[in-house]
Amino acid sequence: MPLLDAVPALRADLLAWWQANGRHWIPWKLGPDGHPPGAGESLDPWPIWSAEIMLQQTQLQVVLPYWRRWIEAFPTAAALAAASEHEVLMRWQGLGYYARARRLHHGARQLLDQPWPRTVEGWLAIPGVGRSTAGSILSSAFDLPHPILDGNVKRVLTRLTASPRPPARDAAGLWLLSTALLDPHRPRAFNQALMDLGSGVCTPRNPSCGVCPWQGHCAAYAAGDPHRYPVKEAPRELPFQVIGVGVVFNDAGQVLIDQRLNEGLLGGLWEFPGGKQEPGEAIETTIVRELREELAIEAQVGEQLITVDHAYSHKKLRFVVHLCQWQRGEPQPLASQQVRWVAPVELETYPFPAANARIIAALLAHLQSQASADQAA
């Protein structure tokens, strides 16, 4: 039977499976009474929107505790709109991809005193919202018939059809299939069922084909090797860079930090100054050069504090961190928003990228060890 002819059976089988096995406990999908809403009932879009942005690049179990703290701090979009960027980034700290927090903040301000959008186009005008996120918000909050195509759904659909192309190269076809399969009478339940199928049954490794409600229609299962799908792009080697970092002290025992420009994944976060090592350049020379070029200061580079390896989705970095002593020059934010001298104990009150957490921990341990040695002497 052609796949599209089987759509009514696919819908019925998936929803029956989901009724018995779905994740009916997801907190932002529940009504005020703590139960899933009925067909056609609306939910508050704010908790759903927040969760959808957090779920971009991050798994549900990781998101849950962050989302609960976020909603406690910002129970409404208006509360987020009224918050400072510093507070927003601090509440997001640990989730990574901080551009998501800034976009959510900007979006809350954009929607202030406006009705919630009820169209895909309306949501696409909000920073950080793409087509799948818009469809998920509209179907989850308002039970409107809009398809989704997140990572779980892509995997399910490419296996269902045994697609010979990587999902990124077949986006148009997958959107058409997701649209065709969507149950127009129960879009909220269907989209959630589709995501739950990918999360709990049609998993990346060791899919549980024996309990899949779509096993009888799945081309990858019929081919005998569902692990082959989705077809993967040829792997590419990530670029590697060494970053020289200076933890610069002044005569008062304060350390120098600067705030990144509001661009890129880590925009708006604070960091210890530094930059890329040039070919053939000693790391100490890198640090002296970067401090001069980015902050207009001169400093003496001392002992190495720590080396931290950190991988992003697009590159791998090695941070080589040295303790430094400021010598002269008033720090200037030549490549950042602002610079600040702070006491080491105050560092934890600033939002830093994840890689800096180990630097801060090493610094505080070093200072504690130094203080103990001084007392012993």
Foldseek 3Di string as FASTA:
>chain_A
DDPLVCLVVVLVLLLVCCVVPFPQQPQQLAAPVNGHDDFQDFHDLVLLLVQLLLVVVDDDVVCVVLSVQVCVQPVDLVSLLPDDPFVQLLSCFPSFLCLSSVQSNVQSVVCVPHDDDLDQVSQVVRPPDDQQSSQLSNCSGRVALGFHDDPLLLQVVCQLVVDPAACVVCVVVSRVVRSSNADRRGNNSSRSSSSRCSVPASDQPDHPLVPRSCNVRGPNVVVVHSNCPPPDDDDDDAAEWEKEFEQEQEPVQWTKKFAADQDDSRHGFIDTWIGTDDPPHDSQRRRQVRCCVQFVFGKAWDAWQDWFWDDDPRHIYIYTYTYIYTDDDDTDRNRGDDMDTGHLVCPSSTRHHPRCVVVSVSVVVVVVVVVVVVVVD
